[in-house]
Amino acid sequence: MKIKLKKGLRLNIAGAVPADAKPATIDSQAFAVYPDDFPGFVPKVDVKEGDAVACGTPLMHDKAHPGVKLVSPVCGTVKAVVRGERRKVIRIEIAAASDKAAAPVLTKPKDSATAKEFLAASGLLALMRQRPYDIVPDPADNVRDIFVTAFDSAPLASSYSVFDAIFTTEDYQAGIDVLAMATSGKVYISHEAGFPHTSLRGAELVEFDGAYPASNVGVQIANIRPVDKGDIVWTLDFATLGRIGRLARTGEYNFSTVVTVAGPEVKSPCLVKTVCGASLKDVIGSNLDDSGRSLRIISGNVFTGIAENIDDYLRFPYRQITVIDEGDDVDEFMGWASFSPSKMSESSSFPGHFLSKAFRPDARINGGRRAMIVSGQYDRFMPMDILPEYLLKAILSNNIDDMEKLGIYEVAPEDFAAAEYADTSKLPLQQIVRDGLDSLRKELE
């Protein structure tokens, strides 16, 4: 099956990694796990400062579903349990050690129950998401289908083929076998042209062609088999599929990842092979522009990533670091209304819209917040059968009936990222959707 999407947005940003780049391995000594990266997961800490942990040792479990774990990505020692206001767990920091402690041994999956238990106890279920609500899945649920995305259309993202330096076709096949046990329906793998693993069995392969957000699994679900009220589907990326298969096939916990370090403020855009949750300082090294300007370091892409400091850590989904200018020292004639051809915009009102050059954007929003105008603007960037403006208005008014009718069960915050970038009202669309999903789940569960 092949699906071509006409809606979406392509941003031509400077600082892309060369197509022939090979990952360079770095050995970070500092790692961290942030429970906030896992929506719906309410953490209960299982370790204390100074504890020795192996790769795969549980660090936290979910209070509502104790079988669901967040685990250590490396062997080492718990350096700190960092808490915020009201003792909220911000992160657990781990100092890596060369000594290889014994990793937990899990029962090999044989049926649906053991497959779900395997995923939950290994910490790999936490790397997946459930629709509706875009949260960490509940292993007790009956799963209609499972969707795997094997490409990334976000700005400056690299192909998932970089993970072939870590995982093999046998790993991906074993991962499909585990997922097939966990669902009563199908396993779908969405990919772009040139996908090298067409020999995989037990999954339906679907080729997508289109701009961002074509790689968002919500868009893929909407164009393959939409989520209706009462349906539960699980989603994950292709790297997580490899981790599942490697653990099921060999018993090895492998949280290795390949990180794309890119952006206009990176000296030499590159690929870095490291481990999930590694120190940003170690991953980036001395690869930042040293002109003295303020920089925005984003763990993730420019649409959905999290702004971090250099002393922080790589955040979920652990695949990309983007660095752009903060823009807090820019003195620009006419400000956001400038018609400079160096200004990147999706609007045809600006000359840069018609240029094919690579732009160097900064983190300014170029305008102020104002009332939402129902103009159909958002719809141009969302290849889904929903009315985004009306859904957002229903969320803001907390109208549950309208939210359900307008398709809130199908969406996640990332599906609104391109629309948020182009939004002339400068509204935080992703946060609005996140708040709406959390409110709806609290109301109905």
Protein backbone atom coordinates (compact mmCIF):
# COMPACT_ATOMS: atom_id res chain seq x y z
CA MET A 1 0.00 0.00 0.00
CA LYS A 2 1.23 3.51 -0.83
CA ILE A 3 -0.27 6.74 0.53
CA LYS A 4 0.64 10.18 -0.85
CA LEU A 5 -0.12 13.15 1.39
CA LYS A 6 -0.56 16.63 -0.10
CA LYS A 7 -0.84 18.61 3.15
CA GLY A 8 2.15 19.42 5.32
CA LEU A 9 5.13 21.71 5.71
CA ARG A 10 8.77 21.50 4.66
CA LEU A 11 11.28 23.78 6.41
CA ASN A 12 14.62 24.20 4.69
CA ILE A 13 16.93 24.83 7.66
CA ALA A 14 20.71 25.12 7.42
CA GLY A 15 22.91 22.67 9.24
CA ALA A 16 21.79 19.32 7.86
CA VAL A 17 23.95 16.25 8.38
CA PRO A 18 25.67 15.12 5.15
CA ALA A 19 23.89 12.22 3.48
CA ASP A 20 26.97 9.99 3.62
CA ALA A 21 27.76 10.70 7.31
CA LYS A 22 28.66 7.75 9.53
CA PRO A 23 27.94 7.67 13.28
CA ALA A 24 30.88 8.46 15.58
CA THR A 25 30.71 6.67 18.94
CA ILE A 26 31.04 8.71 22.14
CA ASP A 27 31.23 7.24 25.63
CA SER A 28 29.26 9.46 27.97
CA GLN A 29 29.64 8.92 31.72
CA ALA A 30 26.45 10.71 32.79
CA PHE A 31 22.85 9.75 32.00
CA ALA A 32 19.37 10.67 33.20
CA VAL A 33 15.78 9.46 32.93
CA TYR A 34 12.98 12.07 33.08
CA PRO A 35 9.52 10.73 34.03
CA ASP A 36 7.91 13.79 32.41
CA ASP A 37 8.99 12.38 29.03
CA PHE A 38 6.40 9.63 29.51
CA PRO A 39 2.85 11.08 29.60
CA GLY A 40 0.45 9.23 31.87
CA PHE A 41 3.28 7.66 33.88
CA VAL A 42 3.00 8.58 37.58
CA PRO A 43 6.43 7.72 39.04
CA LYS A 44 7.21 5.85 42.23
CA VAL A 45 10.97 5.72 42.75
CA ASP A 46 12.49 2.25 43.29
CA VAL A 47 16.12 3.27 43.91
CA LYS A 48 18.05 5.65 46.11
CA GLU A 49 21.25 7.62 45.71
CA GLY A 50 24.30 5.37 45.69
CA ASP A 51 22.50 2.22 44.50
CA ALA A 52 24.29 0.13 41.88
CA VAL A 53 22.15 -0.56 38.82
CA ALA A 54 22.49 -2.70 35.72
CA CYS A 55 21.19 -1.87 32.28
CA GLY A 56 17.51 -2.77 32.58
CA THR A 57 17.26 -2.33 36.37
CA PRO A 58 13.93 -0.62 37.26
CA LEU A 59 14.40 2.95 38.46
CA MET A 60 10.70 3.81 38.80
CA HIS A 61 7.34 2.14 38.41
CA ASP A 62 3.92 3.57 37.58
CA LYS A 63 1.75 4.04 40.66
CA ALA A 64 -1.41 3.15 38.72
CA HIS A 65 0.14 0.18 36.89
CA PRO A 66 3.04 -1.15 39.03
CA GLY A 67 4.15 -3.60 36.35
CA VAL A 68 5.12 -0.73 34.01
CA LYS A 69 8.74 0.29 34.66
CA LEU A 70 11.24 2.95 33.69
CA VAL A 71 14.65 1.29 33.66
CA SER A 72 18.30 2.30 33.67
CA PRO A 73 19.77 2.60 30.15
CA VAL A 74 23.29 1.78 31.43
CA CYS A 75 25.21 0.00 34.17
CA GLY A 76 26.40 2.31 36.92
CA THR A 77 25.44 4.04 40.15
CA VAL A 78 22.47 6.23 40.95
CA LYS A 79 24.08 9.66 41.26
CA ALA A 80 20.99 11.63 42.30
CA VAL A 81 17.22 11.56 42.49
CA VAL A 82 16.43 15.16 41.55
CA ARG A 83 13.13 16.48 42.87
CA GLY A 84 11.26 19.74 42.40
CA GLU A 85 8.35 21.40 44.14
CA ARG A 86 6.18 19.12 46.29
CA ARG A 87 8.85 16.43 45.85
CA LYS A 88 7.98 15.91 42.20
CA VAL A 89 10.56 13.64 40.54
CA ILE A 90 12.37 15.70 37.90
CA ARG A 91 14.93 13.09 36.87
CA ILE A 92 17.13 10.26 38.09
CA GLU A 93 20.80 10.74 37.24
CA ILE A 94 23.12 7.78 36.72
CA ALA A 95 26.93 7.73 36.65
CA ALA A 96 28.05 5.04 34.23
CA ALA A 97 30.51 2.35 35.36
CA SER A 98 32.63 -0.11 33.42
CA ASP A 99 31.61 -2.98 35.70
CA LYS A 100 28.80 -4.92 34.05
CA ALA A 101 26.23 -5.85 36.69
CA ALA A 102 23.80 -8.68 36.00
CA ALA A 103 20.76 -7.45 34.06
CA PRO A 104 17.26 -8.60 35.05
CA VAL A 105 16.17 -11.81 33.34
CA LEU A 106 12.68 -11.75 31.83
CA THR A 107 10.38 -14.56 30.75
CA LYS A 108 10.45 -14.94 26.99
CA PRO A 109 7.07 -14.00 25.43
CA LYS A 110 4.85 -16.92 24.47
CA ASP A 111 1.38 -15.39 24.29
CA SER A 112 -0.46 -12.08 24.69
CA ALA A 113 -0.19 -11.94 28.49
CA THR A 114 3.52 -12.76 28.65
CA ALA A 115 4.29 -10.43 25.73
CA LYS A 116 2.68 -7.48 27.50
CA GLU A 117 4.35 -8.39 30.79
CA PHE A 118 7.69 -8.62 28.96
CA LEU A 119 7.26 -5.17 27.40
CA ALA A 120 6.16 -3.56 30.68
CA ALA A 121 8.90 -5.05 32.89
CA SER A 122 11.68 -4.31 30.38
CA GLY A 123 10.95 -0.58 30.28
CA LEU A 124 10.25 -0.81 26.55
CA LEU A 125 6.50 -0.34 26.94
CA ALA A 126 7.29 3.13 28.33
CA LEU A 127 8.94 3.96 24.98
CA MET A 128 5.61 3.28 23.29
CA ARG A 129 2.42 5.33 23.24
CA GLN A 130 -1.29 4.58 23.33
CA ARG A 131 -4.03 6.25 21.31
CA PRO A 132 -6.27 7.72 22.56
CA TYR A 133 -4.61 10.20 24.97
CA ASP A 134 -1.00 9.76 23.71
CA ILE A 135 0.17 8.16 26.97
CA VAL A 136 2.28 5.21 28.07
CA PRO A 137 0.14 2.11 27.34
CA ASP A 138 -1.69 0.06 29.94
CA PRO A 139 -0.67 -3.61 29.49
CA ALA A 140 -4.11 -4.73 30.64
CA ASP A 141 -5.84 -3.19 27.61
CA ASN A 142 -7.10 -5.06 24.56
CA VAL A 143 -5.01 -3.64 21.70
CA ARG A 144 -6.79 -3.28 18.36
CA ASP A 145 -3.64 -2.67 16.26
CA ILE A 146 0.00 -1.62 16.67
CA PHE A 147 1.59 1.04 14.44
CA VAL A 148 5.35 1.37 13.91
CA THR A 149 6.82 4.41 12.19
CA ALA A 150 10.08 3.82 10.32
CA PHE A 151 10.83 7.28 8.92
CA ASP A 152 11.16 10.85 10.17
CA SER A 153 10.11 13.84 8.06
CA ALA A 154 10.89 16.49 10.70
CA PRO A 155 13.41 19.22 9.80
CA LEU A 156 17.05 18.03 9.83
CA ALA A 157 16.09 14.49 10.88
CA SER A 158 18.11 11.57 9.60
CA SER A 159 16.83 8.36 8.07
CA TYR A 160 16.05 5.44 10.36
CA SER A 161 18.61 3.50 8.33
CA VAL A 162 21.24 4.89 10.75
CA PHE A 163 19.90 2.40 13.31
CA ASP A 164 21.06 -0.45 11.09
CA ALA A 165 24.45 0.20 12.70
CA ILE A 166 22.88 -1.09 15.94
CA PHE A 167 20.06 -3.47 15.08
CA THR A 168 19.72 -6.24 12.51
CA THR A 169 16.84 -7.50 10.40
CA GLU A 170 16.60 -10.44 12.83
CA ASP A 171 16.05 -7.97 15.68
CA TYR A 172 13.27 -6.18 13.83
CA GLN A 173 11.65 -9.50 12.92
CA ALA A 174 11.76 -10.70 16.53
CA GLY A 175 10.22 -7.38 17.60
CA ILE A 176 7.33 -7.85 15.17
CA ASP A 177 6.76 -11.36 16.55
CA VAL A 178 6.45 -9.97 20.10
CA LEU A 179 4.09 -7.18 19.03
CA ALA A 180 1.94 -9.61 17.07
CA MET A 181 1.32 -11.51 20.31
CA ALA A 182 0.33 -8.30 22.12
CA THR A 183 -2.45 -7.30 19.70
CA SER A 184 -5.61 -8.96 18.46
CA GLY A 185 -5.23 -7.08 15.18
CA LYS A 186 -2.40 -6.15 12.84
CA VAL A 187 1.07 -4.69 13.12
CA TYR A 188 1.58 -1.88 10.61
CA ILE A 189 4.98 -0.47 9.63
CA SER A 190 4.90 2.92 7.90
CA HIS A 191 7.97 3.81 5.83
CA GLU A 192 9.17 6.00 3.01
CA ALA A 193 10.49 4.98 -0.41
CA GLY A 194 13.67 2.91 -0.35
CA PHE A 195 12.85 1.08 2.89
CA PRO A 196 15.51 -1.66 3.16
CA HIS A 197 13.57 -4.16 5.30
CA THR A 198 10.79 -5.21 2.95
CA SER A 199 11.40 -8.89 3.78
CA LEU A 200 9.92 -8.52 7.29
CA ARG A 201 7.06 -10.93 7.94
CA GLY A 202 3.97 -10.60 10.10
CA ALA A 203 3.51 -6.87 9.52
CA GLU A 204 1.70 -4.86 6.87
CA LEU A 205 4.09 -2.39 5.21
CA VAL A 206 2.65 0.99 4.17
CA GLU A 207 4.70 3.49 2.14
CA PHE A 208 4.10 7.20 2.79
CA ASP A 209 5.09 10.14 0.61
CA GLY A 210 4.68 13.64 1.98
CA ALA A 211 6.04 16.51 4.05
CA TYR A 212 5.98 16.80 7.82
CA PRO A 213 3.88 15.62 9.68
CA ALA A 214 3.75 12.57 7.39
CA SER A 215 6.05 10.72 9.80
CA ASN A 216 3.77 11.35 12.79
CA VAL A 217 2.14 8.09 13.72
CA GLY A 218 -1.17 9.88 14.31
CA VAL A 219 -1.25 10.94 10.67
CA GLN A 220 -0.42 7.40 9.63
CA ILE A 221 -3.19 5.93 11.77
CA ALA A 222 -5.68 8.44 10.37
CA ASN A 223 -4.81 7.41 6.81
CA ILE A 224 -4.63 3.65 7.42
CA ARG A 225 -7.28 2.81 10.01
CA PRO A 226 -8.54 5.68 12.19
CA VAL A 227 -9.15 5.36 15.93
CA ASP A 228 -12.82 5.36 16.96
CA LYS A 229 -14.19 5.83 20.46
CA GLY A 230 -13.46 2.65 22.42
CA ASP A 231 -10.50 1.63 20.25
CA ILE A 232 -7.02 1.34 21.74
CA VAL A 233 -3.94 1.19 19.55
CA TRP A 234 -0.25 1.21 20.47
CA THR A 235 2.45 3.11 18.64
CA LEU A 236 6.25 3.05 18.59
CA ASP A 237 9.22 3.95 16.41
CA PHE A 238 11.44 1.58 14.44
CA ALA A 239 14.35 1.90 16.88
CA THR A 240 12.14 0.72 19.75
CA LEU A 241 11.07 -2.21 17.59
CA GLY A 242 14.75 -3.16 17.28
CA ARG A 243 15.26 -2.91 21.06
CA ILE A 244 12.25 -5.17 21.68
CA GLY A 245 13.51 -7.75 19.21
CA ARG A 246 17.09 -7.70 20.52
CA LEU A 247 15.89 -8.31 24.08
CA ALA A 248 13.47 -11.07 23.05
CA ARG A 249 16.01 -12.75 20.78
CA THR A 250 19.17 -12.58 22.90
CA GLY A 251 18.20 -11.31 26.35
CA GLU A 252 20.32 -8.18 25.81
CA TYR A 253 19.03 -4.78 26.93
CA ASN A 254 20.22 -2.36 24.26
CA PHE A 255 19.39 1.30 24.73
CA SER A 256 21.92 2.46 22.18
CA THR A 257 20.79 5.22 19.85
CA VAL A 258 22.09 7.32 16.96
CA VAL A 259 21.62 11.04 17.55
CA THR A 260 21.50 13.62 14.76
CA VAL A 261 23.36 16.74 15.94
CA ALA A 262 22.29 19.44 13.51
CA GLY A 263 21.20 23.02 13.04
CA PRO A 264 22.63 26.32 11.80
CA GLU A 265 24.60 26.88 15.02
CA VAL A 266 26.39 23.52 14.90
CA LYS A 267 29.93 23.75 13.50
CA SER A 268 29.95 20.30 11.92
CA PRO A 269 26.55 18.58 11.76
CA CYS A 270 27.08 14.89 12.50
CA LEU A 271 25.71 11.60 13.72
CA VAL A 272 26.64 10.40 17.20
CA LYS A 273 26.19 6.87 18.49
CA THR A 274 25.52 6.91 22.22
CA VAL A 275 22.94 5.67 24.76
CA CYS A 276 19.47 7.05 25.52
CA GLY A 277 19.58 9.80 28.15
CA ALA A 278 23.24 10.72 27.62
CA SER A 279 24.70 14.05 28.73
CA LEU A 280 24.18 16.77 26.11
CA LYS A 281 27.62 18.13 26.94
CA ASP A 282 29.18 14.81 25.95
CA VAL A 283 27.08 14.37 22.81
CA ILE A 284 27.60 17.91 21.51
CA GLY A 285 31.18 18.37 22.71
CA SER A 286 32.83 21.47 21.27
CA ASN A 287 30.62 21.44 18.20
CA LEU A 288 28.67 24.64 18.96
CA ASP A 289 29.09 28.03 17.34
CA ASP A 290 31.45 30.04 19.57
CA SER A 291 30.49 33.55 18.46
CA GLY A 292 29.19 34.38 21.93
CA ARG A 293 25.51 34.62 20.95
CA SER A 294 22.79 32.96 23.02
CA LEU A 295 21.85 29.56 21.57
CA ARG A 296 18.70 27.46 21.86
CA ILE A 297 19.70 23.83 22.39
CA ILE A 298 16.74 21.61 21.56
CA SER A 299 16.58 17.95 22.51
CA GLY A 300 14.55 16.86 19.52
CA ASN A 301 13.47 18.74 16.38
CA VAL A 302 12.42 22.38 16.07
CA PHE A 303 8.72 21.45 16.03
CA THR A 304 8.36 19.19 19.08
CA GLY A 305 11.70 19.21 20.92
CA ILE A 306 12.43 20.41 24.45
CA ALA A 307 14.67 23.44 25.11
CA GLU A 308 17.60 22.36 27.29
CA ASN A 309 20.82 23.66 28.82
CA ILE A 310 24.18 22.20 27.84
CA ASP A 311 24.39 20.60 31.31
CA ASP A 312 21.13 18.68 30.77
CA TYR A 313 20.50 15.32 29.15
CA LEU A 314 19.14 13.85 25.92
CA ARG A 315 15.37 13.54 26.11
CA PHE A 316 12.85 11.12 24.58
CA PRO A 317 12.66 10.10 21.73
CA TYR A 318 16.49 10.23 21.92
CA ARG A 319 17.14 10.74 18.19
CA GLN A 320 18.04 14.38 17.55
CA ILE A 321 19.65 17.54 18.93
CA THR A 322 18.97 20.79 17.09
CA VAL A 323 20.76 24.07 17.83
CA ILE A 324 19.48 27.45 16.62
CA ASP A 325 20.07 31.08 17.57
CA GLU A 326 18.03 32.27 20.56
CA GLY A 327 17.41 35.60 18.83
CA ASP A 328 17.40 37.61 22.06
CA ASP A 329 20.03 40.05 20.76
CA VAL A 330 18.59 40.64 17.29
CA ASP A 331 18.05 44.28 16.30
CA GLU A 332 15.98 43.99 13.13
CA PHE A 333 14.39 46.83 11.22
CA MET A 334 10.57 46.49 11.40
CA GLY A 335 10.92 43.35 13.56
CA TRP A 336 8.55 40.54 12.66
CA ALA A 337 7.11 42.60 9.80
CA SER A 338 10.47 42.82 8.05
CA PHE A 339 10.46 41.74 4.41
CA SER A 340 14.06 40.59 4.54
CA PRO A 341 14.68 37.61 2.22
CA SER A 342 16.63 35.98 5.06
CA LYS A 343 13.43 35.55 7.09
CA MET A 344 12.02 32.02 6.90
CA SER A 345 8.22 31.85 6.62
CA GLU A 346 5.54 29.58 5.25
CA SER A 347 3.52 32.66 4.27
CA SER A 348 3.69 33.89 0.69
CA SER A 349 3.66 37.44 2.09
CA PHE A 350 7.40 37.13 2.70
CA PRO A 351 10.04 36.89 -0.05
CA GLY A 352 11.78 34.01 1.74
CA HIS A 353 8.75 31.81 1.03
CA PHE A 354 9.78 31.66 -2.64
CA LEU A 355 13.48 31.00 -2.08
CA SER A 356 15.00 27.52 -2.06
CA LYS A 357 17.98 28.42 0.12
CA ALA A 358 18.63 26.98 3.56
CA PHE A 359 17.58 29.42 6.30
CA ARG A 360 19.05 30.18 9.72
CA PRO A 361 15.98 30.74 11.92
CA ASP A 362 16.03 31.80 15.55
CA ALA A 363 13.74 31.02 18.50
CA ARG A 364 11.62 34.21 18.38
CA ILE A 365 7.90 33.76 17.79
CA ASN A 366 7.79 36.99 15.72
CA GLY A 367 4.52 38.39 16.98
CA GLY A 368 2.16 38.25 19.93
CA ARG A 369 -0.74 36.06 20.96
CA ARG A 370 -4.19 37.05 19.79
CA ALA A 371 -7.63 35.53 19.30
CA MET A 372 -7.89 32.45 17.10
CA ILE A 373 -9.24 33.14 13.64
CA VAL A 374 -11.15 30.28 11.99
CA SER A 375 -9.58 30.70 8.56
CA GLY A 376 -8.64 27.12 7.66
CA GLN A 377 -4.97 27.94 8.17
CA TYR A 378 -4.30 24.95 10.44
CA ASP A 379 -5.96 22.55 8.04
CA ARG A 380 -3.23 23.11 5.42
CA PHE A 381 -0.69 21.42 7.70
CA MET A 382 -2.75 18.50 9.00
CA PRO A 383 -3.38 15.57 6.62
CA MET A 384 -6.11 14.19 8.89
CA ASP A 385 -9.90 14.13 8.56
CA ILE A 386 -10.57 16.57 11.41
CA LEU A 387 -11.46 20.26 11.84
CA PRO A 388 -8.51 21.49 13.89
CA GLU A 389 -9.75 25.00 14.76
CA TYR A 390 -13.09 23.70 16.03
CA LEU A 391 -11.40 20.90 17.98
CA LEU A 392 -9.08 23.41 19.66
CA LYS A 393 -12.02 25.64 20.56
CA ALA A 394 -13.81 22.63 22.07
CA ILE A 395 -10.72 21.85 24.14
CA LEU A 396 -10.40 25.44 25.35
CA SER A 397 -14.05 25.45 26.41
CA ASN A 398 -13.72 21.94 27.94
CA ASN A 399 -16.69 20.73 25.89
CA ILE A 400 -16.27 16.95 26.11
CA ASP A 401 -19.06 16.08 23.70
CA ASP A 402 -17.65 18.32 20.99
CA MET A 403 -14.11 17.10 21.63
CA GLU A 404 -15.24 13.53 21.03
CA LYS A 405 -17.22 14.42 17.91
CA LEU A 406 -14.32 16.45 16.46
CA GLY A 407 -11.75 13.66 16.76
CA ILE A 408 -9.73 14.19 19.94
CA TYR A 409 -9.22 10.43 20.26
CA GLU A 410 -7.17 10.48 17.05
CA VAL A 411 -4.70 13.25 17.84
CA ALA A 412 -1.56 13.93 19.87
CA PRO A 413 0.15 17.26 20.52
CA GLU A 414 2.79 16.59 17.85
CA ASP A 415 0.10 16.47 15.16
CA PHE A 416 -0.45 20.21 15.69
CA ALA A 417 3.25 21.15 15.62
CA ALA A 418 3.39 22.38 12.02
CA ALA A 419 0.16 24.31 12.47
CA GLU A 420 1.60 25.88 15.64
CA TYR A 421 4.65 27.06 13.71
CA ALA A 422 2.49 28.71 11.04
CA ASP A 423 -0.17 30.02 13.44
CA THR A 424 -0.69 33.77 13.02
CA SER A 425 -2.35 33.82 16.46
CA LYS A 426 0.86 32.49 18.11
CA LEU A 427 -1.09 30.10 20.33
CA PRO A 428 0.61 27.13 22.09
CA LEU A 429 -1.42 24.56 20.16
CA GLN A 430 0.56 21.53 21.34
CA GLN A 431 0.13 22.47 25.00
CA ILE A 432 -3.59 23.11 24.46
CA VAL A 433 -4.00 19.62 23.00
CA ARG A 434 -1.91 18.04 25.79
CA ASP A 435 -4.05 19.76 28.43
CA GLY A 436 -7.21 18.67 26.62
CA LEU A 437 -6.15 15.03 26.44
CA ASP A 438 -5.17 14.99 30.12
CA SER A 439 -8.42 16.66 31.16
CA LEU A 440 -10.53 14.26 29.07
CA ARG A 441 -8.74 11.19 30.45
CA LYS A 442 -9.19 12.41 34.02
CA GLU A 443 -12.86 13.07 33.37
CA LEU A 444 -13.65 9.71 31.73
CA GLU A 445 -11.46 7.24 33.58
